[in-house]
Amino acid sequence: MVRYSWSRIVTAIILVTLLFISSLFLSMSFSDTPSSDVLRDILERECINLNKDKLFTLLMTQVGPELEKGPSADLLKIIEGVIKRTDFDGIAEEKTVEIITLVNGAFKKGAPLDFLDDIFDVAYVNTITIDQLAAAANALKEFHSSDVPQDIYEEFVYHSIEDGWDASSVPVYTRGLIYGVDRGLSPDKVALIMMLDVKNPDFATKPPEQIVMDSIKLVREKEPKNWKPMSEVEKDMALKMDKQRSLEQRKRELDNNIDQKERAFVQAQSELKELREYPGGKGQDVDMDKLNRDLERLLRNLQGEITKYQSQRGNLVAELEATRKFVDQQQVSRDKERRTKRERELTKKHGQVSAAGKRGKLNKDKMTAAVDRLIGTPYRFGGDSERGIDCSAFTRRVYRSQGVELPRNSREQARVSASVAHSSIRTGDLIFFDTSINGSISHVGLFLGNGTFAHASSSKGVTRSSLKEKYYVKRFVKGGRIFVD
């Protein structure tokens, strides 16, 4: 009879347990990691229409490695925000992941998230690159701090995507339109001529700067009395901004040069180390002493170039920071003036809408006719016509038939209307939804009664939907009443 000691039995049990735990760990799928748990929580919370399991698999394939490095707050915010919108709009899982990748890529290139939030749904029906999306979001940011009217600059930015403008040229056209408006020229004319010239195949070889100058010159000839020369302050600001862009470009070039030289230095060091450790590795025909001297000389030269570039970079960064400080101070001042002006305009608009709402009464027949005329109109970012329209332009057109002129975007429409709870909504009320990355009002529709509302859906165009559907209930923020009686 074979006898086992207790120590051997305990050892065997421990080994079996360890083997079981090890095999269990090895068999764990990618979906059992902490970062994927966070992703599953987002999908569980935000998905109503979307297939959570399918979307999880697609996302882990596409952005899983990035999540595994430690899920960044920005990436998770992008995933959650895009899913909110695509789930609301009934977009497929594959397209949802494609858009998340686009937004994340554009954000990494420095595009502002708030303005990416405004524009990314153009990717539902347009083929767009990361660079184009980033350029469009940056353009929206620049326009937002300018005097170019919103309806014009949104149409302008949409054309940059629809017509496939080169991403590197978009900033030139953006600043050209802003400059023309600052000089007193009609924004619609400058924008239209510029968009036509960019699209003109005869001008394909024209540099963007030339297209801008020619467009402004043409409008200036038609509107000579409108032209306002630049003030000395504006000239100084323009020179500083040009200098900032030039310094930033030079810094990128220096960073690239330093990176290349440092990689070459590491490679030369590696070759020299290998040569000294294995002197016979290069073959008998190689002059080892000469190769050794050449590598040492190369290392000295590379180190000298790295030091030179780093010195240039240090001086450049100091100059760039001083220039940025000046430009930022001036921009803050200008932005404050514009915000004050816009706030006054919105307050005035609020008063006008409130007065119209108090003295008027909803004409349901006119409202129904206005809605019926627009049903089936395709969605278009910045659009305000029967060729294409966005959500706030749709509600504005309907209320125009009532003799009320609403502001241009959904957030401002929410501000000028009287807030109404979900349970108190009635026919003719505006209804506002949060479908955004940043958690704010981003969509508006018009309540028609009997649980139905009309809106310009990003995926379906102008359509009727049921407010009782779960994903509309989930995204609902508030109602907005214009006619109080």
Protein backbone atom coordinates (compact mmCIF):
# COMPACT_ATOMS: atom_id res chain seq x y z
CA MET A 1 0.00 0.00 0.00
CA VAL A 2 1.35 3.42 -1.01
CA ARG A 3 1.31 5.99 1.76
CA TYR A 4 1.25 9.81 1.17
CA SER A 5 2.38 12.35 3.72
CA TRP A 6 0.14 15.29 4.52
CA SER A 7 2.76 17.67 3.17
CA ARG A 8 2.70 15.94 -0.21
CA ILE A 9 -1.10 15.96 -0.29
CA VAL A 10 -1.21 19.70 0.52
CA THR A 11 1.45 20.39 -2.11
CA ALA A 12 -0.55 18.47 -4.71
CA ILE A 13 -3.74 20.36 -3.84
CA ILE A 14 -1.94 23.70 -4.15
CA LEU A 15 -0.47 22.72 -7.52
CA VAL A 16 -3.85 21.61 -8.86
CA THR A 17 -5.45 24.83 -7.60
CA LEU A 18 -2.73 26.95 -9.20
CA LEU A 19 -3.08 25.09 -12.48
CA PHE A 20 -6.85 25.62 -12.39
CA ILE A 21 -6.50 29.34 -11.68
CA SER A 22 -3.84 29.68 -14.38
CA SER A 23 -5.98 27.91 -16.98
CA LEU A 24 -8.97 30.02 -15.97
CA PHE A 25 -6.92 33.19 -16.37
CA LEU A 26 -5.60 32.11 -19.75
CA SER A 27 -9.09 31.27 -20.92
CA MET A 28 -10.45 34.67 -19.98
CA SER A 29 -11.44 36.63 -23.05
CA PHE A 30 -10.55 40.23 -23.80
CA SER A 31 -14.03 41.09 -22.57
CA ASP A 32 -13.12 40.32 -18.94
CA THR A 33 -10.63 43.18 -18.51
CA PRO A 34 -11.44 46.25 -16.38
CA SER A 35 -11.41 48.60 -19.38
CA SER A 36 -13.87 46.43 -21.27
CA ASP A 37 -16.10 46.39 -18.20
CA VAL A 38 -16.22 50.17 -18.43
CA LEU A 39 -17.14 49.87 -22.11
CA ARG A 40 -19.89 47.36 -21.32
CA ASP A 41 -21.27 49.77 -18.72
CA ILE A 42 -21.45 52.53 -21.35
CA LEU A 43 -23.19 50.25 -23.84
CA GLU A 44 -25.63 48.99 -21.23
CA ARG A 45 -26.47 52.55 -20.25
CA GLU A 46 -26.68 54.17 -23.69
CA CYS A 47 -27.81 51.52 -26.19
CA ILE A 48 -31.49 51.15 -26.92
CA ASN A 49 -31.61 50.48 -30.66
CA LEU A 50 -28.03 49.35 -31.09
CA ASN A 51 -27.03 45.71 -30.56
CA LYS A 52 -24.82 45.91 -27.47
CA ASP A 53 -22.94 42.65 -28.02
CA LYS A 54 -22.22 43.32 -31.67
CA LEU A 55 -21.12 46.87 -30.92
CA PHE A 56 -18.89 45.66 -28.08
CA THR A 57 -17.12 43.17 -30.36
CA LEU A 58 -16.61 45.77 -33.08
CA LEU A 59 -15.33 48.37 -30.63
CA MET A 60 -12.91 46.02 -28.93
CA THR A 61 -11.51 45.11 -32.33
CA GLN A 62 -11.12 48.75 -33.33
CA VAL A 63 -10.18 50.59 -30.12
CA GLY A 64 -9.58 47.71 -27.70
CA PRO A 65 -5.77 48.07 -27.69
CA GLU A 66 -6.12 51.77 -26.87
CA LEU A 67 -8.55 50.98 -24.08
CA GLU A 68 -6.18 48.36 -22.68
CA LYS A 69 -3.47 50.99 -22.22
CA GLY A 70 -5.80 52.55 -19.69
CA PRO A 71 -9.12 53.96 -20.86
CA SER A 72 -8.70 57.73 -21.23
CA ALA A 73 -11.58 59.90 -20.07
CA ASP A 74 -11.66 61.60 -23.48
CA LEU A 75 -11.97 58.35 -25.43
CA LEU A 76 -14.73 57.08 -23.14
CA LYS A 77 -16.53 60.42 -23.49
CA ILE A 78 -16.31 60.18 -27.28
CA ILE A 79 -17.58 56.60 -27.30
CA GLU A 80 -20.50 57.47 -25.04
CA GLY A 81 -21.37 60.67 -26.92
CA VAL A 82 -21.27 59.17 -30.39
CA ILE A 83 -23.36 56.20 -29.29
CA LYS A 84 -25.96 58.58 -27.82
CA ARG A 85 -26.33 60.21 -31.24
CA THR A 86 -26.14 57.15 -33.47
CA ASP A 87 -28.55 55.19 -31.25
CA PHE A 88 -30.95 58.15 -31.40
CA ASP A 89 -30.62 58.33 -35.20
CA GLY A 90 -30.84 54.59 -35.84
CA ILE A 91 -27.33 54.23 -37.29
CA ALA A 92 -25.84 50.74 -37.74
CA GLU A 93 -23.19 49.36 -35.39
CA GLU A 94 -20.49 49.30 -38.09
CA LYS A 95 -21.08 52.96 -38.94
CA THR A 96 -21.14 53.87 -35.26
CA VAL A 97 -17.66 52.39 -34.75
CA GLU A 98 -16.41 54.10 -37.92
CA ILE A 99 -17.60 57.46 -36.58
CA ILE A 100 -16.09 56.87 -33.13
CA THR A 101 -12.76 56.18 -34.84
CA LEU A 102 -13.10 59.36 -36.93
CA VAL A 103 -13.96 61.57 -33.95
CA ASN A 104 -11.21 60.06 -31.78
CA GLY A 105 -8.67 60.48 -34.58
CA ALA A 106 -9.66 64.10 -35.22
CA PHE A 107 -9.59 64.86 -31.48
CA LYS A 108 -6.05 63.45 -31.25
CA LYS A 109 -5.06 65.85 -34.03
CA GLY A 110 -6.16 68.74 -31.85
CA ALA A 111 -9.71 69.31 -33.10
CA PRO A 112 -11.97 70.73 -30.34
CA LEU A 113 -14.47 68.20 -29.00
CA ASP A 114 -17.36 70.68 -28.73
CA PHE A 115 -17.18 71.43 -32.45
CA LEU A 116 -16.54 67.82 -33.43
CA ASP A 117 -19.80 67.17 -31.59
CA ASP A 118 -21.57 69.67 -33.87
CA ILE A 119 -20.28 68.23 -37.15
CA PHE A 120 -19.61 64.49 -36.87
CA ASP A 121 -23.05 63.34 -38.02
CA VAL A 122 -22.22 64.56 -41.54
CA ALA A 123 -20.29 61.28 -41.72
CA TYR A 124 -23.60 59.39 -41.81
CA VAL A 125 -23.88 60.00 -45.56
CA ASN A 126 -20.54 61.53 -46.56
CA THR A 127 -17.20 59.81 -46.99
CA ILE A 128 -14.88 61.82 -44.78
CA THR A 129 -11.31 61.44 -43.55
CA ILE A 130 -9.95 62.18 -40.10
CA ASP A 131 -8.09 65.20 -41.48
CA GLN A 132 -11.23 66.57 -43.15
CA LEU A 133 -13.27 66.16 -39.96
CA ALA A 134 -10.55 67.85 -37.90
CA ALA A 135 -10.33 70.71 -40.41
CA ALA A 136 -14.13 71.16 -40.36
CA ALA A 137 -14.26 71.24 -36.53
CA ASN A 138 -11.37 73.73 -36.38
CA ALA A 139 -13.11 75.90 -38.97
CA LEU A 140 -16.30 75.91 -36.88
CA LYS A 141 -14.26 77.02 -33.89
CA GLU A 142 -12.68 79.91 -35.82
CA PHE A 143 -16.02 80.98 -37.28
CA HIS A 144 -17.65 80.82 -33.84
CA SER A 145 -15.25 83.56 -32.72
CA SER A 146 -15.96 85.69 -35.80
CA ASP A 147 -18.72 87.92 -37.17
CA VAL A 148 -19.65 85.51 -39.97
CA PRO A 149 -23.35 84.57 -39.53
CA GLN A 150 -23.94 81.00 -38.36
CA ASP A 151 -26.14 79.90 -41.26
CA ILE A 152 -23.48 81.05 -43.75
CA TYR A 153 -20.46 79.53 -42.05
CA GLU A 154 -22.22 76.21 -41.42
CA GLU A 155 -23.10 75.98 -45.11
CA PHE A 156 -19.48 76.89 -45.92
CA VAL A 157 -18.09 74.16 -43.64
CA TYR A 158 -20.54 71.60 -44.99
CA HIS A 159 -19.30 72.34 -48.54
CA SER A 160 -15.73 71.71 -47.38
CA ILE A 161 -16.82 68.13 -46.64
CA GLU A 162 -19.36 67.56 -49.40
CA ASP A 163 -17.04 68.90 -52.12
CA GLY A 164 -13.96 67.17 -50.67
CA TRP A 165 -11.76 70.22 -50.09
CA ASP A 166 -8.17 69.45 -49.24
CA ALA A 167 -7.96 69.57 -45.45
CA SER A 168 -4.84 71.75 -45.49
CA SER A 169 -6.65 74.42 -47.54
CA VAL A 170 -9.71 74.71 -45.26
CA PRO A 171 -7.99 77.07 -42.75
CA VAL A 172 -7.00 79.38 -45.64
CA TYR A 173 -10.57 79.60 -46.93
CA THR A 174 -11.94 79.98 -43.40
CA ARG A 175 -9.67 82.92 -42.59
CA GLY A 176 -10.33 84.38 -46.02
CA LEU A 177 -14.09 84.47 -45.40
CA ILE A 178 -13.58 85.93 -41.92
CA TYR A 179 -11.25 88.58 -43.35
CA GLY A 180 -13.77 89.55 -46.05
CA VAL A 181 -16.54 89.94 -43.47
CA ASP A 182 -14.26 91.92 -41.16
CA ARG A 183 -13.61 94.27 -44.07
CA GLY A 184 -17.34 94.94 -44.41
CA LEU A 185 -18.15 92.75 -47.43
CA SER A 186 -21.39 90.76 -47.65
CA PRO A 187 -20.70 87.33 -46.05
CA ASP A 188 -23.09 85.47 -48.35
CA LYS A 189 -21.42 86.85 -51.49
CA VAL A 190 -17.85 86.20 -50.33
CA ALA A 191 -18.77 82.66 -49.23
CA LEU A 192 -20.67 81.85 -52.43
CA ILE A 193 -17.97 83.08 -54.80
CA MET A 194 -15.26 81.31 -52.82
CA MET A 195 -17.21 78.02 -52.78
CA LEU A 196 -17.85 78.24 -56.52
CA ASP A 197 -14.21 79.00 -57.27
CA VAL A 198 -12.97 76.13 -55.11
CA LYS A 199 -15.29 73.79 -57.01
CA ASN A 200 -14.40 75.21 -60.45
CA PRO A 201 -12.16 72.68 -62.30
CA ASP A 202 -10.56 75.55 -64.24
CA PHE A 203 -9.11 76.82 -60.95
CA ALA A 204 -7.80 73.44 -59.79
CA THR A 205 -4.17 74.61 -60.01
CA LYS A 206 -4.81 77.90 -58.22
CA PRO A 207 -3.36 78.00 -54.71
CA PRO A 208 -5.97 78.56 -51.96
CA GLU A 209 -4.52 81.98 -51.12
CA GLN A 210 -5.08 83.13 -54.71
CA ILE A 211 -8.68 81.88 -54.72
CA VAL A 212 -9.31 83.84 -51.51
CA MET A 213 -7.77 87.06 -52.87
CA ASP A 214 -9.62 86.79 -56.20
CA SER A 215 -12.97 86.15 -54.45
CA ILE A 216 -12.56 89.12 -52.12
CA LYS A 217 -11.42 91.34 -54.98
CA LEU A 218 -14.52 90.46 -57.02
CA VAL A 219 -16.92 91.22 -54.15
CA ARG A 220 -15.00 94.40 -53.29
CA GLU A 221 -15.43 95.65 -56.86
CA LYS A 222 -19.20 95.11 -56.53
CA GLU A 223 -19.38 96.67 -53.04
CA PRO A 224 -16.76 99.45 -53.01
CA LYS A 225 -18.66 101.48 -50.39
CA ASN A 226 -18.71 98.58 -47.94
CA TRP A 227 -14.95 98.12 -47.83
CA LYS A 228 -13.31 99.00 -44.52
CA PRO A 229 -9.50 99.17 -44.48
CA MET A 230 -7.76 97.43 -41.60
CA SER A 231 -7.05 99.53 -38.54
CA GLU A 232 -3.54 99.63 -37.12
CA VAL A 233 -4.67 97.39 -34.26
CA GLU A 234 -6.10 94.85 -36.74
CA LYS A 235 -2.94 94.95 -38.84
CA ASP A 236 -0.81 94.30 -35.77
CA MET A 237 -3.11 91.45 -34.72
CA ALA A 238 -2.99 89.91 -38.21
CA LEU A 239 0.81 90.11 -38.28
CA LYS A 240 1.04 88.49 -34.85
CA MET A 241 -1.34 85.68 -35.87
CA ASP A 242 0.64 85.06 -39.06
CA LYS A 243 3.81 85.00 -36.98
CA GLN A 244 2.25 82.53 -34.55
CA ARG A 245 1.24 80.17 -37.36
CA SER A 246 4.71 80.45 -38.90
CA LEU A 247 6.41 79.74 -35.56
CA GLU A 248 4.12 76.78 -34.93
CA GLN A 249 5.00 75.36 -38.34
CA ARG A 250 8.71 75.90 -37.68
CA LYS A 251 8.36 74.20 -34.29
CA ARG A 252 6.72 71.17 -35.93
CA GLU A 253 9.61 71.02 -38.41
CA LEU A 254 12.21 71.26 -35.64
CA ASP A 255 10.45 68.58 -33.59
CA ASN A 256 10.49 66.34 -36.65
CA ASN A 257 14.18 67.06 -37.28
CA ILE A 258 15.09 66.33 -33.66
CA ASP A 259 13.11 63.10 -33.76
CA GLN A 260 14.84 61.96 -36.96
CA LYS A 261 18.31 62.81 -35.67
CA GLU A 262 17.69 61.13 -32.31
CA ARG A 263 16.54 57.95 -34.04
CA ALA A 264 19.60 58.06 -36.31
CA PHE A 265 21.80 58.61 -33.21
CA VAL A 266 20.33 55.55 -31.47
CA GLN A 267 20.85 53.48 -34.62
CA ALA A 268 24.50 54.59 -34.93
CA GLN A 269 25.09 53.84 -31.24
CA SER A 270 23.67 50.37 -31.72
CA GLU A 271 25.89 49.71 -34.75
CA LEU A 272 28.99 50.95 -32.90
CA LYS A 273 28.21 48.76 -29.90
CA GLU A 274 27.71 45.73 -32.15
CA LEU A 275 30.99 46.48 -33.94
CA ARG A 276 32.94 46.59 -30.69
CA GLU A 277 31.31 43.50 -29.21
CA TYR A 278 31.54 41.43 -32.39
CA PRO A 279 34.50 42.85 -34.35
CA GLY A 280 34.47 39.99 -36.84
CA GLY A 281 30.79 40.26 -37.63
CA LYS A 282 31.23 42.53 -40.64
CA GLY A 283 33.46 40.19 -42.60
CA GLN A 284 37.19 40.16 -43.42
CA ASP A 285 36.97 42.71 -46.25
CA VAL A 286 35.72 45.50 -43.99
CA ASP A 287 38.21 48.03 -42.60
CA MET A 288 37.09 47.85 -38.99
CA ASP A 289 39.16 50.81 -37.79
CA LYS A 290 37.78 53.06 -40.52
CA LEU A 291 34.21 51.90 -39.84
CA ASN A 292 34.73 52.56 -36.15
CA ARG A 293 36.04 56.10 -36.87
CA ASP A 294 33.16 56.78 -39.29
CA LEU A 295 30.55 55.73 -36.74
CA GLU A 296 32.17 57.85 -34.02
CA ARG A 297 32.27 60.83 -36.39
CA LEU A 298 28.63 60.25 -37.30
CA LEU A 299 27.67 60.17 -33.63
CA ARG A 300 29.51 63.45 -32.97
CA ASN A 301 27.85 65.10 -35.98
CA LEU A 302 24.42 63.85 -35.01
CA GLN A 303 24.88 65.01 -31.42
CA GLY A 304 25.97 68.41 -32.71
CA GLU A 305 22.89 68.68 -34.95
CA ILE A 306 20.59 67.57 -32.12
CA THR A 307 22.11 70.18 -29.81
CA LYS A 308 21.75 72.85 -32.52
CA TYR A 309 18.11 71.99 -33.21
CA GLN A 310 17.31 71.85 -29.49
CA SER A 311 18.87 75.29 -29.01
CA GLN A 312 16.86 76.67 -31.93
CA ARG A 313 13.74 75.05 -30.53
CA GLY A 314 14.31 76.60 -27.10
CA ASN A 315 14.60 80.09 -28.59
CA LEU A 316 11.63 79.48 -30.87
CA VAL A 317 9.41 78.20 -28.06
CA ALA A 318 10.14 81.32 -26.00
CA GLU A 319 9.22 83.54 -28.96
CA LEU A 320 6.14 81.44 -29.73
CA GLU A 321 4.90 81.64 -26.14
CA ALA A 322 5.26 85.44 -26.12
CA THR A 323 3.39 85.69 -29.43
CA ARG A 324 0.66 83.32 -28.26
CA LYS A 325 0.22 85.33 -25.09
CA PHE A 326 -0.34 88.51 -27.09
CA VAL A 327 -2.72 86.83 -29.56
CA ASP A 328 -4.65 85.07 -26.78
CA GLN A 329 -5.09 88.33 -24.84
CA GLN A 330 -6.40 90.09 -27.94
CA GLN A 331 -8.64 87.13 -28.80
CA VAL A 332 -10.07 86.97 -25.28
CA SER A 333 -10.92 90.66 -25.53
CA ARG A 334 -12.57 90.24 -28.94
CA ASP A 335 -14.45 87.11 -27.82
CA LYS A 336 -15.78 88.95 -24.78
CA GLU A 337 -17.08 91.75 -26.99
CA ARG A 338 -18.75 89.25 -29.34
CA ARG A 339 -20.30 87.28 -26.47
CA THR A 340 -21.68 90.49 -24.98
CA LYS A 341 -23.08 91.50 -28.38
CA ARG A 342 -24.65 88.06 -28.93
CA GLU A 343 -26.13 88.03 -25.44
CA ARG A 344 -27.75 91.40 -26.13
CA GLU A 345 -29.09 90.10 -29.45
CA LEU A 346 -30.45 86.94 -27.79
CA THR A 347 -32.08 88.97 -25.01
CA LYS A 348 -33.71 91.17 -27.66
CA LYS A 349 -34.82 88.06 -29.59
CA HIS A 350 -36.24 86.56 -26.39
CA GLY A 351 -38.31 89.69 -25.88
CA GLN A 352 -39.57 89.60 -29.45
CA VAL A 353 -40.53 85.91 -29.27
CA SER A 354 -42.21 86.35 -25.89
CA ALA A 355 -44.21 89.33 -27.15
CA ALA A 356 -45.30 87.43 -30.26
CA GLY A 357 -46.26 84.45 -28.11
CA LYS A 358 -48.37 86.56 -25.76
CA ARG A 359 -50.27 88.45 -28.43
CA GLY A 360 -50.67 85.57 -30.90
CA LYS A 361 -52.22 82.14 -31.00
CA LEU A 362 -51.09 78.90 -32.62
CA ASN A 363 -52.69 78.33 -36.02
CA LYS A 364 -52.73 74.54 -36.17
CA ASP A 365 -53.76 74.43 -39.84
CA LYS A 366 -50.79 76.60 -40.86
CA MET A 367 -48.49 74.54 -38.64
CA THR A 368 -49.68 71.27 -40.21
CA ALA A 369 -49.31 72.69 -43.73
CA ALA A 370 -45.77 73.93 -42.99
CA VAL A 371 -44.78 70.54 -41.58
CA ASP A 372 -46.36 68.63 -44.47
CA ARG A 373 -44.44 70.73 -47.01
CA LEU A 374 -41.15 69.76 -45.40
CA ILE A 375 -41.79 66.08 -44.65
CA GLY A 376 -39.27 64.02 -46.63
CA THR A 377 -36.77 66.88 -46.98
CA PRO A 378 -33.27 65.41 -46.56
CA TYR A 379 -31.17 66.36 -43.55
CA ARG A 380 -28.22 68.64 -44.14
CA PHE A 381 -25.90 70.20 -41.59
CA GLY A 382 -26.42 73.97 -41.74
CA GLY A 383 -29.14 73.52 -44.38
CA ASP A 384 -32.19 75.77 -44.48
CA SER A 385 -34.03 74.93 -47.69
CA GLU A 386 -36.09 72.20 -49.27
CA ARG A 387 -32.86 70.78 -50.74
CA GLY A 388 -31.64 70.03 -47.23
CA ILE A 389 -32.43 71.21 -43.72
CA ASP A 390 -31.27 70.68 -40.16
CA CYS A 391 -33.37 70.38 -37.01
CA SER A 392 -33.35 74.00 -35.82
CA ALA A 393 -33.91 75.36 -39.34
CA PHE A 394 -36.95 73.07 -39.61
CA THR A 395 -38.59 74.38 -36.43
CA ARG A 396 -37.67 77.94 -37.38
CA ARG A 397 -39.39 77.54 -40.77
CA VAL A 398 -42.52 76.12 -39.18
CA TYR A 399 -42.73 78.97 -36.67
CA ARG A 400 -42.05 81.50 -39.41
CA SER A 401 -45.46 80.43 -40.80
CA GLN A 402 -46.88 81.60 -37.44
CA GLY A 403 -45.22 85.00 -37.74
CA VAL A 404 -42.53 84.17 -35.17
CA GLU A 405 -38.81 84.27 -35.99
CA LEU A 406 -36.84 81.86 -33.79
CA PRO A 407 -33.05 81.91 -33.27
CA ARG A 408 -30.87 79.76 -35.51
CA ASN A 409 -29.80 76.90 -33.23
CA SER A 410 -31.55 74.52 -30.84
CA ARG A 411 -29.80 75.77 -27.68
CA GLU A 412 -30.91 79.36 -28.33
CA GLN A 413 -34.43 78.22 -29.25
CA ALA A 414 -34.55 76.53 -25.84
CA ARG A 415 -33.55 79.78 -24.17
CA VAL A 416 -36.20 81.97 -25.81
CA SER A 417 -39.11 79.56 -25.22
CA ALA A 418 -40.92 78.94 -21.92
CA SER A 419 -39.81 75.64 -20.33
CA VAL A 420 -42.44 72.89 -20.19
CA ALA A 421 -42.29 69.50 -18.44
CA HIS A 422 -42.78 66.30 -20.41
CA SER A 423 -46.20 65.71 -18.85
CA SER A 424 -47.46 69.17 -19.86
CA ILE A 425 -46.41 69.26 -23.52
CA ARG A 426 -49.10 70.29 -25.95
CA THR A 427 -49.49 70.69 -29.71
CA GLY A 428 -47.11 73.29 -31.15
CA ASP A 429 -44.53 73.09 -28.37
CA LEU A 430 -40.88 72.72 -29.21
CA ILE A 431 -39.24 69.63 -27.72
CA PHE A 432 -35.54 69.47 -26.94
CA PHE A 433 -33.21 66.49 -26.71
CA ASP A 434 -29.65 65.81 -25.53
CA THR A 435 -27.87 63.73 -28.18
CA SER A 436 -24.45 65.31 -27.67
CA ILE A 437 -20.99 64.35 -26.48
CA ASN A 438 -20.88 67.29 -24.08
CA GLY A 439 -24.28 66.66 -22.48
CA SER A 440 -26.24 69.67 -23.71
CA ILE A 441 -29.31 70.35 -25.86
CA SER A 442 -28.42 69.40 -29.42
CA HIS A 443 -31.69 68.51 -31.16
CA VAL A 444 -35.13 70.08 -31.45
CA GLY A 445 -38.47 68.94 -32.82
CA LEU A 446 -42.09 70.09 -32.90
CA PHE A 447 -44.85 68.35 -30.94
CA LEU A 448 -47.88 67.57 -33.12
CA GLY A 449 -50.15 66.04 -30.49
CA ASN A 450 -51.15 62.45 -29.71
CA GLY A 451 -47.60 61.54 -28.73
CA THR A 452 -46.22 62.45 -32.19
CA PHE A 453 -43.58 65.01 -33.12
CA ALA A 454 -41.90 66.15 -36.33
CA HIS A 455 -38.19 66.80 -36.64
CA ALA A 456 -35.28 66.84 -39.08
CA SER A 457 -33.55 63.56 -38.26
CA SER A 458 -29.85 63.35 -39.14
CA SER A 459 -30.42 59.95 -40.75
CA LYS A 460 -33.99 60.16 -42.10
CA GLY A 461 -34.54 63.82 -42.93
CA VAL A 462 -37.77 65.53 -41.90
CA THR A 463 -40.02 62.85 -40.46
CA ARG A 464 -42.69 62.15 -37.85
CA SER A 465 -41.78 60.08 -34.79
CA SER A 466 -43.39 58.90 -31.59
CA LEU A 467 -42.30 60.67 -28.43
CA LYS A 468 -43.31 57.51 -26.54
CA GLU A 469 -40.45 55.52 -28.03
CA LYS A 470 -37.86 54.64 -25.41
CA TYR A 471 -34.84 56.33 -27.00
CA TYR A 472 -36.74 59.64 -27.39
CA VAL A 473 -37.93 59.46 -23.79
CA LYS A 474 -34.36 58.78 -22.65
CA ARG A 475 -32.90 61.76 -24.54
CA PHE A 476 -35.72 64.21 -23.77
CA VAL A 477 -34.62 67.36 -21.89
CA LYS A 478 -37.65 69.66 -21.87
CA GLY A 479 -40.42 71.23 -23.87
CA GLY A 480 -40.44 74.86 -25.05
CA ARG A 481 -43.63 76.87 -25.41
CA ILE A 482 -43.98 79.89 -27.67
CA PHE A 483 -47.74 80.66 -27.54
CA VAL A 484 -48.66 80.86 -23.88
CA ASP A 485 -52.46 80.85 -24.38
